[in-house]
Amino acid sequence: MPRYIVDGFVFHVNITKGNPPMIYLRCLEYKRLGCHARAILPFDGTIEDIKVNKPHNHPPDYSAEEKIVFMRELKEVMLKNPSVPSRTVYATLSEMYPNAARETPFDAIRHKMNRWRRQTDEHYI
C-alpha cells in the first residue's frame, strides 16, 4: 500500500475518485489512535502537492520513514532467504536501521516474520 510521509505524519491511500482524479489520504493512525487527519493529492501530483485538510491528534513520528523501510527490507530478505533464521535477519537489518529496530523489537514482529516465511513456503508447494 502506498504511503506518504508529510512532516513526520504517515498517510495511506483511502480512495481515488473524481474528475480530474484526486487521491484522498487518511492518517495511518486512524484505527490505533482515532486520528481523523485527512489529506488530498492530485492523481498526477507529487508529495509537495499534498494538502492536509484536518489536523492530527498526535505528535509527528520523525522515524516513520525509517520504520517503513526497515519493515519492507525485513519482508524482502525473509522472502528471498527462507533458510536464514528470523533473528539473524532482524539483527543484521537492525544495525542498518537502529532507530526503527529500537521502536520495533524482535519479539513484537517475530510472528509477522514467520508468517512472511510461510507465505514463501506456500508459493513453492
PDB file of N, CA and C in Angstrom:
ATOM      1  N   MET A   1       0.847  -1.176   0.000  1.00  0.00           N
ATOM      2  CA  MET A   1       0.000   0.000   0.000  1.00  0.00           C
ATOM      3  C   MET A   1       0.894   1.241   0.000  1.00  0.00           C
ATOM      4  N   PRO A   2       0.666   2.144  -0.929  1.00  0.00           N
ATOM      5  CA  PRO A   2       1.489   3.362  -0.967  1.00  0.00           C
ATOM      6  C   PRO A   2       1.291   4.188   0.300  1.00  0.00           C
ATOM      7  N   ARG A   3       2.397   4.723   0.769  1.00  0.00           N
ATOM      8  CA  ARG A   3       2.358   5.577   1.948  1.00  0.00           C
ATOM      9  C   ARG A   3       3.055   6.880   1.626  1.00  0.00           C
ATOM     10  N   TYR A   4       2.538   7.937   2.212  1.00  0.00           N
ATOM     11  CA  TYR A   4       3.108   9.258   2.025  1.00  0.00           C
ATOM     12  C   TYR A   4       3.456   9.808   3.403  1.00  0.00           C
ATOM     13  N   ILE A   5       4.650  10.368   3.542  1.00  0.00           N
ATOM     14  CA  ILE A   5       5.071  10.938   4.812  1.00  0.00           C
ATOM     15  C   ILE A   5       5.195  12.445   4.637  1.00  0.00           C
ATOM     16  N   VAL A   6       4.437  13.172   5.452  1.00  0.00           N
ATOM     17  CA  VAL A   6       4.409  14.625   5.391  1.00  0.00           C
ATOM     18  C   VAL A   6       4.705  15.160   6.796  1.00  0.00           C
ATOM     19  N   ASP A   7       5.863  15.795   6.944  1.00  0.00           N
ATOM     20  CA  ASP A   7       6.252  16.407   8.219  1.00  0.00           C
ATOM     21  C   ASP A   7       6.186  15.432   9.397  1.00  0.00           C
ATOM     22  N   GLY A   8       6.576  14.186   9.150  1.00  0.00           N
ATOM     23  CA  GLY A   8       6.597  13.186  10.215  1.00  0.00           C
ATOM     24  C   GLY A   8       5.279  12.453  10.411  1.00  0.00           C
ATOM     25  N   PHE A   9       4.273  12.770   9.615  1.00  0.00           N
ATOM     26  CA  PHE A   9       2.982  12.085   9.688  1.00  0.00           C
ATOM     27  C   PHE A   9       2.836  11.176   8.475  1.00  0.00           C
ATOM     28  N   VAL A  10       2.354   9.956   8.713  1.00  0.00           N
ATOM     29  CA  VAL A  10       2.223   8.972   7.636  1.00  0.00           C
ATOM     30  C   VAL A  10       0.761   8.890   7.210  1.00  0.00           C
ATOM     31  N   PHE A  11       0.551   8.978   5.905  1.00  0.00           N
ATOM     32  CA  PHE A  11      -0.775   8.839   5.309  1.00  0.00           C
ATOM     33  C   PHE A  11      -0.779   7.630   4.385  1.00  0.00           C
ATOM     34  N   HIS A  12      -1.939   7.015   4.251  1.00  0.00           N
ATOM     35  CA  HIS A  12      -2.102   5.965   3.247  1.00  0.00           C
ATOM     36  C   HIS A  12      -3.299   6.328   2.368  1.00  0.00           C
ATOM     37  N   VAL A  13      -3.374   5.698   1.200  1.00  0.00           N
ATOM     38  CA  VAL A  13      -4.444   5.997   0.245  1.00  0.00           C
ATOM     39  C   VAL A  13      -5.745   5.418   0.787  1.00  0.00           C
ATOM     40  N   ASN A  14      -6.742   6.276   0.887  1.00  0.00           N
ATOM     41  CA  ASN A  14      -8.061   5.850   1.328  1.00  0.00           C
ATOM     42  C   ASN A  14      -8.941   5.542   0.111  1.00  0.00           C
ATOM     43  N   ILE A  15      -8.957   6.467  -0.852  1.00  0.00           N
ATOM     44  CA  ILE A  15      -9.765   6.284  -2.059  1.00  0.00           C
ATOM     45  C   ILE A  15      -9.247   7.223  -3.143  1.00  0.00           C
ATOM     46  N   THR A  16      -9.452   6.852  -4.394  1.00  0.00           N
ATOM     47  CA  THR A  16      -9.132   7.699  -5.539  1.00  0.00           C
ATOM     48  C   THR A  16     -10.421   7.885  -6.327  1.00  0.00           C
ATOM     49  N   LYS A  17     -10.805   9.138  -6.542  1.00  0.00           N
ATOM     50  CA  LYS A  17     -12.043   9.394  -7.292  1.00  0.00           C
ATOM     51  C   LYS A  17     -12.041  10.817  -7.813  1.00  0.00           C
ATOM     52  N   GLY A  18     -13.054  11.114  -8.632  1.00  0.00           N
ATOM     53  CA  GLY A  18     -13.252  12.466  -9.137  1.00  0.00           C
ATOM     54  C   GLY A  18     -12.775  12.651 -10.557  1.00  0.00           C
ATOM     55  N   ASN A  19     -13.091  13.832 -11.096  1.00  0.00           N
ATOM     56  CA  ASN A  19     -12.668  14.187 -12.440  1.00  0.00           C
ATOM     57  C   ASN A  19     -12.283  15.660 -12.412  1.00  0.00           C
ATOM     58  N   PRO A  20     -11.019  16.016 -12.412  1.00  0.00           N
ATOM     59  CA  PRO A  20      -9.853  15.144 -12.537  1.00  0.00           C
ATOM     60  C   PRO A  20      -9.684  14.282 -11.270  1.00  0.00           C
ATOM     61  N   PRO A  21      -9.071  13.103 -11.428  1.00  0.00           N
ATOM     62  CA  PRO A  21      -8.944  12.202 -10.289  1.00  0.00           C
ATOM     63  C   PRO A  21      -8.073  12.781  -9.178  1.00  0.00           C
ATOM     64  N   MET A  22      -8.533  12.579  -7.954  1.00  0.00           N
ATOM     65  CA  MET A  22      -7.812  13.016  -6.766  1.00  0.00           C
ATOM     66  C   MET A  22      -7.595  11.804  -5.869  1.00  0.00           C
ATOM     67  N   ILE A  23      -6.486  11.810  -5.161  1.00  0.00           N
ATOM     68  CA  ILE A  23      -6.180  10.749  -4.210  1.00  0.00           C
ATOM     69  C   ILE A  23      -6.480  11.291  -2.824  1.00  0.00           C
ATOM     70  N   TYR A  24      -7.375  10.619  -2.129  1.00  0.00           N
ATOM     71  CA  TYR A  24      -7.742  11.019  -0.777  1.00  0.00           C
ATOM     72  C   TYR A  24      -6.956  10.152   0.206  1.00  0.00           C
ATOM     73  N   LEU A  25      -6.268  10.811   1.120  1.00  0.00           N
ATOM     74  CA  LEU A  25      -5.377  10.130   2.051  1.00  0.00           C
ATOM     75  C   LEU A  25      -5.947  10.181   3.459  1.00  0.00           C
ATOM     76  N   ARG A  26      -5.623   9.152   4.233  1.00  0.00           N
ATOM     77  CA  ARG A  26      -6.045   9.069   5.628  1.00  0.00           C
ATOM     78  C   ARG A  26      -4.800   8.826   6.486  1.00  0.00           C
ATOM     79  N   CYS A  27      -4.796   9.379   7.692  1.00  0.00           N
ATOM     80  CA  CYS A  27      -3.671   9.174   8.607  1.00  0.00           C
ATOM     81  C   CYS A  27      -3.538   7.685   8.925  1.00  0.00           C
ATOM     82  N   LEU A  28      -2.326   7.209   8.970  1.00  0.00           N
ATOM     83  CA  LEU A  28      -2.062   5.807   9.278  1.00  0.00           C
ATOM     84  C   LEU A  28      -2.526   5.458  10.691  1.00  0.00           C
ATOM     85  N   GLU A  29      -2.626   6.447  11.564  1.00  0.00           N
ATOM     86  CA  GLU A  29      -3.021   6.219  12.957  1.00  0.00           C
ATOM     87  C   GLU A  29      -4.535   6.319  13.159  1.00  0.00           C
ATOM     88  N   TYR A  30      -5.293   6.211  12.083  1.00  0.00           N
ATOM     89  CA  TYR A  30      -6.745   6.325  12.159  1.00  0.00           C
ATOM     90  C   TYR A  30      -7.344   5.295  13.118  1.00  0.00           C
ATOM     91  N   LYS A  31      -6.981   4.039  12.951  1.00  0.00           N
ATOM     92  CA  LYS A  31      -7.560   2.993  13.794  1.00  0.00           C
ATOM     93  C   LYS A  31      -6.927   2.971  15.186  1.00  0.00           C
ATOM     94  N   ARG A  32      -5.614   3.035  15.244  1.00  0.00           N
ATOM     95  CA  ARG A  32      -4.916   2.887  16.516  1.00  0.00           C
ATOM     96  C   ARG A  32      -5.172   4.049  17.469  1.00  0.00           C
ATOM     97  N   LEU A  33      -5.122   5.270  16.949  1.00  0.00           N
ATOM     98  CA  LEU A  33      -5.265   6.454  17.802  1.00  0.00           C
ATOM     99  C   LEU A  33      -6.536   7.253  17.528  1.00  0.00           C
ATOM    100  N   GLY A  34      -7.325   6.814  16.555  1.00  0.00           N
ATOM    101  CA  GLY A  34      -8.536   7.557  16.218  1.00  0.00           C
ATOM    102  C   GLY A  34      -8.257   8.893  15.560  1.00  0.00           C
ATOM    103  N   CYS A  35      -7.131   9.011  14.876  1.00  0.00           N
ATOM    104  CA  CYS A  35      -6.770  10.272  14.229  1.00  0.00           C
ATOM    105  C   CYS A  35      -7.599  10.457  12.955  1.00  0.00           C
ATOM    106  N   HIS A  36      -8.254  11.596  12.865  1.00  0.00           N
ATOM    107  CA  HIS A  36      -9.111  11.873  11.711  1.00  0.00           C
ATOM    108  C   HIS A  36      -8.451  12.799  10.693  1.00  0.00           C
ATOM    109  N   ALA A  37      -7.133  12.924  10.756  1.00  0.00           N
ATOM    110  CA  ALA A  37      -6.428  13.766   9.782  1.00  0.00           C
ATOM    111  C   ALA A  37      -6.624  13.205   8.376  1.00  0.00           C
ATOM    112  N   ARG A  38      -6.838  14.114   7.455  1.00  0.00           N
ATOM    113  CA  ARG A  38      -7.044  13.750   6.056  1.00  0.00           C
ATOM    114  C   ARG A  38      -6.176  14.656   5.192  1.00  0.00           C
ATOM    115  N   ALA A  39      -5.913  14.176   3.988  1.00  0.00           N
ATOM    116  CA  ALA A  39      -5.171  14.981   3.027  1.00  0.00           C
ATOM    117  C   ALA A  39      -5.652  14.612   1.633  1.00  0.00           C
ATOM    118  N   ILE A  40      -5.315  15.449   0.684  1.00  0.00           N
ATOM    119  CA  ILE A  40      -5.721  15.233  -0.703  1.00  0.00           C
ATOM    120  C   ILE A  40      -4.516  15.487  -1.598  1.00  0.00           C
ATOM    121  N   LEU A  41      -4.442  14.721  -2.671  1.00  0.00           N
ATOM    122  CA  LEU A  41      -3.318  14.805  -3.602  1.00  0.00           C
ATOM    123  C   LEU A  41      -3.844  14.642  -5.020  1.00  0.00           C
ATOM    124  N   PRO A  42      -3.518  15.560  -5.944  1.00  0.00           N
ATOM    125  CA  PRO A  42      -3.895  15.343  -7.346  1.00  0.00           C
ATOM    126  C   PRO A  42      -3.292  14.027  -7.839  1.00  0.00           C
ATOM    127  N   PHE A  43      -4.024  13.314  -8.676  1.00  0.00           N
ATOM    128  CA  PHE A  43      -3.604  11.993  -9.140  1.00  0.00           C
ATOM    129  C   PHE A  43      -2.202  12.004  -9.734  1.00  0.00           C
ATOM    130  N   ASP A  44      -1.868  13.043 -10.484  1.00  0.00           N
ATOM    131  CA  ASP A  44      -0.541  13.116 -11.106  1.00  0.00           C
ATOM    132  C   ASP A  44       0.401  14.037 -10.325  1.00  0.00           C
ATOM    133  N   GLY A  45       0.042  14.340  -9.076  1.00  0.00           N
ATOM    134  CA  GLY A  45       0.836  15.251  -8.262  1.00  0.00           C
ATOM    135  C   GLY A  45       2.004  14.561  -7.570  1.00  0.00           C
ATOM    136  N   THR A  46       2.809  15.376  -6.917  1.00  0.00           N
ATOM    137  CA  THR A  46       3.941  14.875  -6.141  1.00  0.00           C
ATOM    138  C   THR A  46       3.650  15.111  -4.660  1.00  0.00           C
ATOM    139  N   ILE A  47       4.533  14.646  -3.825  1.00  0.00           N
ATOM    140  CA  ILE A  47       4.332  14.799  -2.381  1.00  0.00           C
ATOM    141  C   ILE A  47       4.237  16.269  -1.973  1.00  0.00           C
ATOM    142  N   GLU A  48       4.858  17.150  -2.751  1.00  0.00           N
ATOM    143  CA  GLU A  48       4.778  18.583  -2.458  1.00  0.00           C
ATOM    144  C   GLU A  48       3.366  19.133  -2.689  1.00  0.00           C
ATOM    145  N   ASP A  49       2.545  18.421  -3.460  1.00  0.00           N
ATOM    146  CA  ASP A  49       1.191  18.875  -3.768  1.00  0.00           C
ATOM    147  C   ASP A  49       0.156  18.431  -2.737  1.00  0.00           C
ATOM    148  N   ILE A  50       0.562  17.675  -1.736  1.00  0.00           N
ATOM    149  CA  ILE A  50      -0.374  17.188  -0.726  1.00  0.00           C
ATOM    150  C   ILE A  50      -0.880  18.353   0.121  1.00  0.00           C
ATOM    151  N   LYS A  51      -2.189  18.405   0.281  1.00  0.00           N
ATOM    152  CA  LYS A  51      -2.836  19.417   1.115  1.00  0.00           C
ATOM    153  C   LYS A  51      -3.509  18.688   2.283  1.00  0.00           C
ATOM    154  N   VAL A  52      -3.091  19.006   3.495  1.00  0.00           N
ATOM    155  CA  VAL A  52      -3.686  18.404   4.682  1.00  0.00           C
ATOM    156  C   VAL A  52      -4.948  19.183   5.037  1.00  0.00           C
ATOM    157  N   ASN A  53      -6.079  18.471   5.148  1.00  0.00           N
ATOM    158  CA  ASN A  53      -7.375  19.109   5.395  1.00  0.00           C
ATOM    159  C   ASN A  53      -7.781  19.137   6.857  1.00  0.00           C
ATOM    160  N   LYS A  54      -7.392  18.121   7.614  1.00  0.00           N
ATOM    161  CA  LYS A  54      -7.754  18.050   9.026  1.00  0.00           C
ATOM    162  C   LYS A  54      -6.484  17.807   9.828  1.00  0.00           C
ATOM    163  N   PRO A  55      -6.371  18.390  11.011  1.00  0.00           N
ATOM    164  CA  PRO A  55      -5.159  18.221  11.821  1.00  0.00           C
ATOM    165  C   PRO A  55      -5.103  16.849  12.501  1.00  0.00           C
ATOM    166  N   HIS A  56      -3.908  16.488  12.908  1.00  0.00           N
ATOM    167  CA  HIS A  56      -3.677  15.227  13.618  1.00  0.00           C
ATOM    168  C   HIS A  56      -3.948  15.404  15.108  1.00  0.00           C
ATOM    169  N   ASN A  57      -4.241  14.301  15.781  1.00  0.00           N
ATOM    170  CA  ASN A  57      -4.454  14.351  17.226  1.00  0.00           C
ATOM    171  C   ASN A  57      -3.269  13.734  17.978  1.00  0.00           C
ATOM    172  N   HIS A  58      -2.127  13.642  17.315  1.00  0.00           N
ATOM    173  CA  HIS A  58      -0.935  13.024  17.896  1.00  0.00           C
ATOM    174  C   HIS A  58       0.301  13.730  17.354  1.00  0.00           C
ATOM    175  N   PRO A  59       1.430  13.584  18.041  1.00  0.00           N
ATOM    176  CA  PRO A  59       2.655  14.233  17.553  1.00  0.00           C
ATOM    177  C   PRO A  59       3.214  13.511  16.334  1.00  0.00           C
ATOM    178  N   PRO A  60       4.065  14.179  15.564  1.00  0.00           N
ATOM    179  CA  PRO A  60       4.687  13.533  14.395  1.00  0.00           C
ATOM    180  C   PRO A  60       5.666  12.439  14.832  1.00  0.00           C
ATOM    181  N   ASP A  61       5.893  11.510  13.938  1.00  0.00           N
ATOM    182  CA  ASP A  61       6.840  10.420  14.173  1.00  0.00           C
ATOM    183  C   ASP A  61       7.948  10.584  13.138  1.00  0.00           C
ATOM    184  N   TYR A  62       9.038  11.225  13.547  1.00  0.00           N
ATOM    185  CA  TYR A  62      10.093  11.538  12.591  1.00  0.00           C
ATOM    186  C   TYR A  62      10.913  10.318  12.183  1.00  0.00           C
ATOM    187  N   SER A  63      10.714   9.193  12.844  1.00  0.00           N
ATOM    188  CA  SER A  63      11.406   7.969  12.422  1.00  0.00           C
ATOM    189  C   SER A  63      10.483   7.077  11.590  1.00  0.00           C
ATOM    190  N   ALA A  64       9.329   7.594  11.197  1.00  0.00           N
ATOM    191  CA  ALA A  64       8.340   6.802  10.459  1.00  0.00           C
ATOM    192  C   ALA A  64       8.905   6.242   9.161  1.00  0.00           C
ATOM    193  N   GLU A  65       9.628   7.067   8.421  1.00  0.00           N
ATOM    194  CA  GLU A  65      10.163   6.600   7.138  1.00  0.00           C
ATOM    195  C   GLU A  65      11.149   5.461   7.343  1.00  0.00           C
ATOM    196  N   GLU A  66      11.999   5.594   8.352  1.00  0.00           N
ATOM    197  CA  GLU A  66      12.963   4.530   8.620  1.00  0.00           C
ATOM    198  C   GLU A  66      12.248   3.237   9.017  1.00  0.00           C
ATOM    199  N   LYS A  67      11.179   3.343   9.787  1.00  0.00           N
ATOM    200  CA  LYS A  67      10.437   2.148  10.194  1.00  0.00           C
ATOM    201  C   LYS A  67       9.779   1.469   8.992  1.00  0.00           C
ATOM    202  N   ILE A  68       9.240   2.255   8.084  1.00  0.00           N
ATOM    203  CA  ILE A  68       8.606   1.687   6.893  1.00  0.00           C
ATOM    204  C   ILE A  68       9.643   0.960   6.043  1.00  0.00           C
ATOM    205  N   VAL A  69      10.789   1.584   5.840  1.00  0.00           N
ATOM    206  CA  VAL A  69      11.855   0.959   5.047  1.00  0.00           C
ATOM    207  C   VAL A  69      12.371  -0.298   5.753  1.00  0.00           C
ATOM    208  N   PHE A  70      12.542  -0.223   7.057  1.00  0.00           N
ATOM    209  CA  PHE A  70      13.004  -1.364   7.852  1.00  0.00           C
ATOM    210  C   PHE A  70      12.065  -2.561   7.674  1.00  0.00           C
ATOM    211  N   MET A  71      10.769  -2.335   7.810  1.00  0.00           N
ATOM    212  CA  MET A  71       9.802  -3.428   7.659  1.00  0.00           C
ATOM    213  C   MET A  71       9.794  -3.971   6.238  1.00  0.00           C
ATOM    214  N   ARG A  72       9.912  -3.099   5.250  1.00  0.00           N
ATOM    215  CA  ARG A  72       9.941  -3.537   3.853  1.00  0.00           C
ATOM    216  C   ARG A  72      11.172  -4.410   3.593  1.00  0.00           C
ATOM    217  N   GLU A  73      12.311  -3.973   4.134  1.00  0.00           N
ATOM    218  CA  GLU A  73      13.550  -4.739   3.965  1.00  0.00           C
ATOM    219  C   GLU A  73      13.466  -6.083   4.681  1.00  0.00           C
ATOM    220  N   LEU A  74      12.913  -6.092   5.888  1.00  0.00           N
ATOM    221  CA  LEU A  74      12.764  -7.352   6.612  1.00  0.00           C
ATOM    222  C   LEU A  74      11.970  -8.357   5.791  1.00  0.00           C
ATOM    223  N   LYS A  75      10.849  -7.910   5.262  1.00  0.00           N
ATOM    224  CA  LYS A  75       9.998  -8.807   4.481  1.00  0.00           C
ATOM    225  C   LYS A  75      10.726  -9.306   3.243  1.00  0.00           C
ATOM    226  N   GLU A  76      11.392  -8.394   2.548  1.00  0.00           N
ATOM    227  CA  GLU A  76      12.102  -8.769   1.329  1.00  0.00           C
ATOM    228  C   GLU A  76      13.186  -9.811   1.612  1.00  0.00           C
ATOM    229  N   VAL A  77      13.963  -9.592   2.661  1.00  0.00           N
ATOM    230  CA  VAL A  77      15.035 -10.535   2.995  1.00  0.00           C
ATOM    231  C   VAL A  77      14.454 -11.876   3.438  1.00  0.00           C
ATOM    232  N   MET A  78      13.374 -11.841   4.202  1.00  0.00           N
ATOM    233  CA  MET A  78      12.742 -13.094   4.642  1.00  0.00           C
ATOM    234  C   MET A  78      12.238 -13.905   3.443  1.00  0.00           C
ATOM    235  N   LEU A  79      11.681 -13.222   2.463  1.00  0.00           N
ATOM    236  CA  LEU A  79      11.153 -13.921   1.295  1.00  0.00           C
ATOM    237  C   LEU A  79      12.261 -14.470   0.398  1.00  0.00           C
ATOM    238  N   LYS A  80      13.358 -13.743   0.306  1.00  0.00           N
ATOM    239  CA  LYS A  80      14.453 -14.167  -0.573  1.00  0.00           C
ATOM    240  C   LYS A  80      15.388 -15.179   0.075  1.00  0.00           C
ATOM    241  N   ASN A  81      15.425 -15.223   1.404  1.00  0.00           N
ATOM    242  CA  ASN A  81      16.363 -16.097   2.120  1.00  0.00           C
ATOM    243  C   ASN A  81      15.621 -16.917   3.173  1.00  0.00           C
ATOM    244  N   PRO A  82      14.774 -17.848   2.743  1.00  0.00           N
ATOM    245  CA  PRO A  82      13.948 -18.572   3.709  1.00  0.00           C
ATOM    246  C   PRO A  82      14.729 -19.456   4.674  1.00  0.00           C
ATOM    247  N   SER A  83      15.968 -19.768   4.373  1.00  0.00           N
ATOM    248  CA  SER A  83      16.738 -20.642   5.266  1.00  0.00           C
ATOM    249  C   SER A  83      17.473 -19.874   6.371  1.00  0.00           C
ATOM    250  N   VAL A  84      17.527 -18.554   6.276  1.00  0.00           N
ATOM    251  CA  VAL A  84      18.212 -17.747   7.288  1.00  0.00           C
ATOM    252  C   VAL A  84      17.251 -17.536   8.459  1.00  0.00           C
ATOM    253  N   PRO A  85      17.695 -17.788   9.692  1.00  0.00           N
ATOM    254  CA  PRO A  85      16.810 -17.606  10.850  1.00  0.00           C
ATOM    255  C   PRO A  85      16.301 -16.167  10.972  1.00  0.00           C
ATOM    256  N   SER A  86      15.069 -16.042  11.428  1.00  0.00           N
ATOM    257  CA  SER A  86      14.434 -14.727  11.573  1.00  0.00           C
ATOM    258  C   SER A  86      15.263 -13.796  12.449  1.00  0.00           C
ATOM    259  N   ARG A  87      15.771 -14.309  13.539  1.00  0.00           N
ATOM    260  CA  ARG A  87      16.538 -13.468  14.465  1.00  0.00           C
ATOM    261  C   ARG A  87      17.801 -12.936  13.786  1.00  0.00           C
ATOM    262  N   THR A  88      18.417 -13.736  12.939  1.00  0.00           N
ATOM    263  CA  THR A  88      19.620 -13.308  12.224  1.00  0.00           C
ATOM    264  C   THR A  88      19.286 -12.184  11.244  1.00  0.00           C
ATOM    265  N   VAL A  89      18.189 -12.354  10.515  1.00  0.00           N
ATOM    266  CA  VAL A  89      17.751 -11.318   9.576  1.00  0.00           C
ATOM    267  C   VAL A  89      17.485 -10.023  10.336  1.00  0.00           C
ATOM    268  N   TYR A  90      16.760 -10.121  11.440  1.00  0.00           N
ATOM    269  CA  TYR A  90      16.439  -8.952  12.241  1.00  0.00           C
ATOM    270  C   TYR A  90      17.706  -8.273  12.756  1.00  0.00           C
ATOM    271  N   ALA A  91      18.621  -9.065  13.304  1.00  0.00           N
ATOM    272  CA  ALA A  91      19.853  -8.496  13.873  1.00  0.00           C
ATOM    273  C   ALA A  91      20.670  -7.769  12.815  1.00  0.00           C
ATOM    274  N   THR A  92      20.760  -8.347  11.632  1.00  0.00           N
ATOM    275  CA  THR A  92      21.531  -7.734  10.556  1.00  0.00           C
ATOM    276  C   THR A  92      20.922  -6.399  10.134  1.00  0.00           C
ATOM    277  N   LEU A  93      19.611  -6.392   9.914  1.00  0.00           N
ATOM    278  CA  LEU A  93      18.961  -5.164   9.458  1.00  0.00           C
ATOM    279  C   LEU A  93      18.829  -4.126  10.569  1.00  0.00           C
ATOM    280  N   SER A  94      18.782  -4.569  11.815  1.00  0.00           N
ATOM    281  CA  SER A  94      18.672  -3.598  12.902  1.00  0.00           C
ATOM    282  C   SER A  94      19.937  -2.753  13.028  1.00  0.00           C
ATOM    283  N   GLU A  95      21.053  -3.274  12.560  1.00  0.00           N
ATOM    284  CA  GLU A  95      22.279  -2.472  12.543  1.00  0.00           C
ATOM    285  C   GLU A  95      22.186  -1.354  11.507  1.00  0.00           C
ATOM    286  N   MET A  96      21.480  -1.614  10.412  1.00  0.00           N
ATOM    287  CA  MET A  96      21.314  -0.611   9.368  1.00  0.00           C
ATOM    288  C   MET A  96      20.235   0.411   9.726  1.00  0.00           C
ATOM    289  N   TYR A  97      19.250  -0.013  10.510  1.00  0.00           N
ATOM    290  CA  TYR A  97      18.118   0.846  10.869  1.00  0.00           C
ATOM    291  C   TYR A  97      17.937   0.832  12.389  1.00  0.00           C
ATOM    292  N   PRO A  98      18.873   1.406  13.133  1.00  0.00           N
ATOM    293  CA  PRO A  98      18.827   1.295  14.601  1.00  0.00           C
ATOM    294  C   PRO A  98      17.610   1.966  15.244  1.00  0.00           C
ATOM    295  N   ASN A  99      17.176   3.099  14.722  1.00  0.00           N
ATOM    296  CA  ASN A  99      16.011   3.778  15.312  1.00  0.00           C
ATOM    297  C   ASN A  99      14.746   2.953  15.124  1.00  0.00           C
ATOM    298  N   ALA A 100      14.574   2.407  13.949  1.00  0.00           N
ATOM    299  CA  ALA A 100      13.402   1.583  13.678  1.00  0.00           C
ATOM    300  C   ALA A 100      13.433   0.314  14.523  1.00  0.00           C
ATOM    301  N   ALA A 101      14.588  -0.286  14.643  1.00  0.00           N
ATOM    302  CA  ALA A 101      14.720  -1.512  15.444  1.00  0.00           C
ATOM    303  C   ALA A 101      14.425  -1.233  16.911  1.00  0.00           C
ATOM    304  N   ARG A 102      14.836  -0.085  17.396  1.00  0.00           N
ATOM    305  CA  ARG A 102      14.589   0.280  18.792  1.00  0.00           C
ATOM    306  C   ARG A 102      13.081   0.388  19.056  1.00  0.00           C
ATOM    307  N   GLU A 103      12.342   0.884  18.076  1.00  0.00           N
ATOM    308  CA  GLU A 103      10.899   1.037  18.242  1.00  0.00           C
ATOM    309  C   GLU A 103      10.105  -0.192  17.806  1.00  0.00           C
ATOM    310  N   THR A 104      10.777  -1.137  17.148  1.00  0.00           N
ATOM    311  CA  THR A 104      10.130  -2.356  16.676  1.00  0.00           C
ATOM    312  C   THR A 104      10.968  -3.550  17.127  1.00  0.00           C
ATOM    313  N   PRO A 105      10.841  -3.954  18.388  1.00  0.00           N
ATOM    314  CA  PRO A 105      11.663  -5.057  18.885  1.00  0.00           C
ATOM    315  C   PRO A 105      11.327  -6.386  18.204  1.00  0.00           C
ATOM    316  N   PHE A 106      12.305  -7.267  18.195  1.00  0.00           N
ATOM    317  CA  PHE A 106      12.151  -8.555  17.531  1.00  0.00           C
ATOM    318  C   PHE A 106      10.923  -9.311  18.019  1.00  0.00           C
ATOM    319  N   ASP A 107      10.726  -9.369  19.327  1.00  0.00           N
ATOM    320  CA  ASP A 107       9.595 -10.129  19.861  1.00  0.00           C
ATOM    321  C   ASP A 107       8.250  -9.588  19.391  1.00  0.00           C
ATOM    322  N   ALA A 108       8.197  -8.303  19.048  1.00  0.00           N
ATOM    323  CA  ALA A 108       6.950  -7.699  18.580  1.00  0.00           C
ATOM    324  C   ALA A 108       6.624  -8.076  17.133  1.00  0.00           C
ATOM    325  N   ILE A 109       7.620  -8.443  16.341  1.00  0.00           N
ATOM    326  CA  ILE A 109       7.362  -8.756  14.924  1.00  0.00           C
ATOM    327  C   ILE A 109       7.784 -10.169  14.531  1.00  0.00           C
ATOM    328  N   ARG A 110       8.217 -10.949  15.497  1.00  0.00           N
ATOM    329  CA  ARG A 110       8.658 -12.319  15.215  1.00  0.00           C
ATOM    330  C   ARG A 110       7.565 -13.115  14.495  1.00  0.00           C
ATOM    331  N   HIS A 111       6.328 -13.004  14.977  1.00  0.00           N
ATOM    332  CA  HIS A 111       5.230 -13.760  14.364  1.00  0.00           C
ATOM    333  C   HIS A 111       4.962 -13.301  12.936  1.00  0.00           C
ATOM    334  N   LYS A 112       5.059 -12.005  12.714  1.00  0.00           N
ATOM    335  CA  LYS A 112       4.858 -11.470  11.365  1.00  0.00           C
ATOM    336  C   LYS A 112       5.943 -11.992  10.422  1.00  0.00           C
ATOM    337  N   MET A 113       7.180 -12.022  10.895  1.00  0.00           N
ATOM    338  CA  MET A 113       8.286 -12.516  10.076  1.00  0.00           C
ATOM    339  C   MET A 113       8.081 -13.996   9.737  1.00  0.00           C
ATOM    340  N   ASN A 114       7.610 -14.763  10.693  1.00  0.00           N
ATOM    341  CA  ASN A 114       7.341 -16.183  10.435  1.00  0.00           C
ATOM    342  C   ASN A 114       6.194 -16.350   9.441  1.00  0.00           C
ATOM    343  N   ARG A 115       5.199 -15.470   9.502  1.00  0.00           N
ATOM    344  CA  ARG A 115       4.090 -15.507   8.537  1.00  0.00           C
ATOM    345  C   ARG A 115       4.609 -15.226   7.130  1.00  0.00           C
ATOM    346  N   TRP A 116       5.516 -14.258   7.004  1.00  0.00           N
ATOM    347  CA  TRP A 116       6.112 -13.983   5.691  1.00  0.00           C
ATOM    348  C   TRP A 116       6.830 -15.221   5.175  1.00  0.00           C
ATOM    349  N   ARG A 117       7.546 -15.892   6.050  1.00  0.00           N
ATOM    350  CA  ARG A 117       8.279 -17.094   5.646  1.00  0.00           C
ATOM    351  C   ARG A 117       7.312 -18.179   5.187  1.00  0.00           C
ATOM    352  N   ARG A 118       6.208 -18.358   5.883  1.00  0.00           N
ATOM    353  CA  ARG A 118       5.208 -19.367   5.483  1.00  0.00           C
ATOM    354  C   ARG A 118       4.618 -19.031   4.122  1.00  0.00           C
ATOM    355  N   GLN A 119       4.436 -17.743   3.844  1.00  0.00           N
ATOM    356  CA  GLN A 119       3.926 -17.344   2.529  1.00  0.00           C
ATOM    357  C   GLN A 119       4.887 -17.784   1.441  1.00  0.00           C
ATOM    358  N   THR A 120       6.178 -17.669   1.698  1.00  0.00           N
ATOM    359  CA  THR A 120       7.182 -18.099   0.737  1.00  0.00           C
ATOM    360  C   THR A 120       7.087 -19.600   0.532  1.00  0.00           C
ATOM    361  N   ASP A 121       6.958 -20.339   1.629  1.00  0.00           N
ATOM    362  CA  ASP A 121       6.875 -21.798   1.533  1.00  0.00           C
ATOM    363  C   ASP A 121       5.666 -22.227   0.728  1.00  0.00           C
ATOM    364  N   GLU A 122       4.525 -21.522   0.889  1.00  0.00           N
ATOM    365  CA  GLU A 122       3.309 -21.872   0.171  1.00  0.00           C
ATOM    366  C   GLU A 122       3.461 -21.686  -1.329  1.00  0.00           C
ATOM    367  N   HIS A 123       4.277 -20.728  -1.753  1.00  0.00           N
ATOM    368  CA  HIS A 123       4.463 -20.479  -3.184  1.00  0.00           C
ATOM    369  C   HIS A 123       5.235 -21.607  -3.848  1.00  0.00           C
ATOM    370  N   TYR A 124       6.020 -22.347  -3.086  1.00  0.00           N
ATOM    371  CA  TYR A 124       6.850 -23.397  -3.662  1.00  0.00           C
ATOM    372  C   TYR A 124       6.223 -24.789  -3.538  1.00  0.00           C
ATOM    373  N   ILE A 125       5.019 -24.859  -2.971  1.00  0.00           N
ATOM    374  CA  ILE A 125       4.361 -26.171  -2.829  1.00  0.00           C
ATOM    375  C   ILE A 125       3.564 -26.486  -4.065  1.00  0.00           C
TER     376      ILE A 125
END
